[in-house]
Amino acid sequence: MKKQFRIKDTREFSQIMNCKQFYVSPSMVIYVKKRKEDWARVGLSVGKRMGNAVVRNKIKRQIREMVHELYTFDEEFDTIILVREQYCTENYINNKKCLERLLKKVKIVK
């Protein structure tokens, strides 16, 4: 995922999360807000409860790959993906299907 498609600023994270438009699944939560840029952006958040730094970075790499496969970045929303503890109990394919279902709820992926 290129840097222009990432949300990294804490203020932007809080603005999107304060809109309180979100979709929930057992392994992740997606917050969305209408985009301001010419392209959609994605932010990732993996809490310290998930494990040490190695485990958290592995999860972030997996989610970035899922986003790379599912997004076109022409979507109408900026997205924040919060990972829950259930993520570690499922395999990659089930987690990808879960993310795809959430994105269909948001009507990002058709």
Protein backbone atom coordinates (compact mmCIF):
# COMPACT_ATOMS: atom_id res chain seq x y z
CA MET A 1 0.00 0.00 0.00
CA LYS A 2 1.54 3.31 -1.05
CA LYS A 3 2.03 6.06 1.53
CA GLN A 4 -0.52 8.34 -0.11
CA PHE A 5 -3.20 5.70 0.57
CA ARG A 6 -2.40 5.42 4.31
CA ILE A 7 -3.83 7.29 7.27
CA LYS A 8 -1.17 7.72 9.94
CA ASP A 9 -2.03 10.98 11.71
CA THR A 10 -3.67 10.63 15.14
CA ARG A 11 -5.99 13.58 14.48
CA GLU A 12 -7.31 11.96 11.31
CA PHE A 13 -7.83 8.67 13.15
CA SER A 14 -9.86 10.42 15.84
CA GLN A 15 -11.89 12.44 13.29
CA ILE A 16 -12.92 9.29 11.45
CA MET A 17 -13.69 7.38 14.64
CA ASN A 18 -15.70 10.30 16.08
CA CYS A 19 -18.09 10.12 13.09
CA LYS A 20 -19.28 6.86 14.69
CA GLN A 21 -20.18 5.20 11.43
CA PHE A 22 -18.79 1.69 11.86
CA TYR A 23 -19.35 -1.95 10.92
CA VAL A 24 -18.48 -4.86 13.21
CA SER A 25 -17.41 -8.46 12.75
CA PRO A 26 -15.91 -10.90 15.26
CA SER A 27 -12.33 -10.30 14.13
CA MET A 28 -12.31 -6.62 13.10
CA VAL A 29 -14.17 -3.30 13.14
CA ILE A 30 -14.28 -0.83 10.24
CA TYR A 31 -14.86 2.90 10.75
CA VAL A 32 -15.68 4.93 7.65
CA LYS A 33 -16.01 8.60 6.72
CA LYS A 34 -16.46 10.39 3.39
CA ARG A 35 -13.08 11.06 1.87
CA LYS A 36 -11.58 14.53 1.46
CA GLU A 37 -8.75 13.58 -0.89
CA ASP A 38 -8.99 12.49 -4.53
CA TRP A 39 -8.46 8.88 -3.46
CA ALA A 40 -9.55 6.64 -0.60
CA ARG A 41 -7.17 6.04 2.30
CA VAL A 42 -6.86 3.24 4.86
CA GLY A 43 -5.59 3.24 8.44
CA LEU A 44 -4.73 0.17 10.52
CA SER A 45 -4.77 -0.25 14.28
CA VAL A 46 -3.59 -3.35 16.10
CA GLY A 47 -3.65 -3.15 19.91
CA LYS A 48 -0.96 -4.36 22.29
CA ARG A 49 -3.30 -7.11 23.52
CA MET A 50 -2.72 -8.90 20.22
CA GLY A 51 0.85 -9.83 21.15
CA ASN A 52 4.38 -8.54 20.94
CA ALA A 53 5.70 -6.31 18.16
CA VAL A 54 6.52 -9.24 15.88
CA VAL A 55 2.95 -10.57 16.01
CA ARG A 56 1.39 -7.12 15.55
CA ASN A 57 3.60 -6.38 12.53
CA LYS A 58 2.68 -9.74 11.00
CA ILE A 59 -1.02 -8.90 11.40
CA LYS A 60 -0.50 -5.47 9.81
CA ARG A 61 1.33 -7.01 6.85
CA GLN A 62 -1.50 -9.50 6.35
CA ILE A 63 -4.16 -6.79 6.46
CA ARG A 64 -2.20 -4.56 4.07
CA GLU A 65 -2.10 -7.47 1.63
CA MET A 66 -5.86 -8.00 2.01
CA VAL A 67 -6.45 -4.30 1.41
CA HIS A 68 -4.20 -4.40 -1.64
CA GLU A 69 -6.29 -7.25 -3.08
CA LEU A 70 -9.74 -5.86 -2.20
CA TYR A 71 -9.45 -2.07 -2.65
CA THR A 72 -9.19 -0.03 -5.83
CA PHE A 73 -8.77 3.25 -3.87
CA ASP A 74 -11.56 4.81 -5.96
CA GLU A 75 -13.99 4.20 -3.08
CA GLU A 76 -15.96 7.04 -1.54
CA PHE A 77 -14.73 6.52 2.02
CA ASP A 78 -11.62 6.75 4.14
CA THR A 79 -11.42 3.63 6.29
CA ILE A 80 -9.93 2.70 9.65
CA ILE A 81 -9.54 -1.03 10.37
CA LEU A 82 -9.33 -2.03 14.04
CA VAL A 83 -8.22 -5.60 14.64
CA ARG A 84 -9.82 -7.61 17.46
CA GLU A 85 -8.36 -10.52 19.44
CA GLN A 86 -10.45 -13.07 17.51
CA TYR A 87 -8.29 -12.31 14.43
CA CYS A 88 -5.48 -14.53 15.77
CA THR A 89 -7.74 -17.57 16.18
CA GLU A 90 -8.85 -17.55 12.52
CA ASN A 91 -6.74 -18.30 9.46
CA TYR A 92 -5.84 -15.81 6.71
CA ILE A 93 -8.57 -16.91 4.29
CA ASN A 94 -11.37 -16.60 6.86
CA ASN A 95 -10.09 -13.19 7.95
CA LYS A 96 -9.99 -12.04 4.33
CA LYS A 97 -13.59 -13.21 3.79
CA CYS A 98 -14.59 -11.39 6.96
CA LEU A 99 -13.00 -8.15 5.70
CA GLU A 100 -14.66 -8.61 2.31
CA ARG A 101 -18.09 -9.03 3.97
CA LEU A 102 -17.55 -5.85 5.98
CA LEU A 103 -16.54 -3.92 2.87
CA LYS A 104 -19.68 -5.14 1.09
CA LYS A 105 -21.74 -3.81 3.99
CA VAL A 106 -20.10 -0.46 3.45
CA LYS A 107 -20.68 -0.91 -0.31
CA ILE A 108 -17.03 -0.34 -1.10
CA VAL A 109 -16.47 -3.68 -2.85
CA LYS A 110 -19.12 -4.74 -5.35
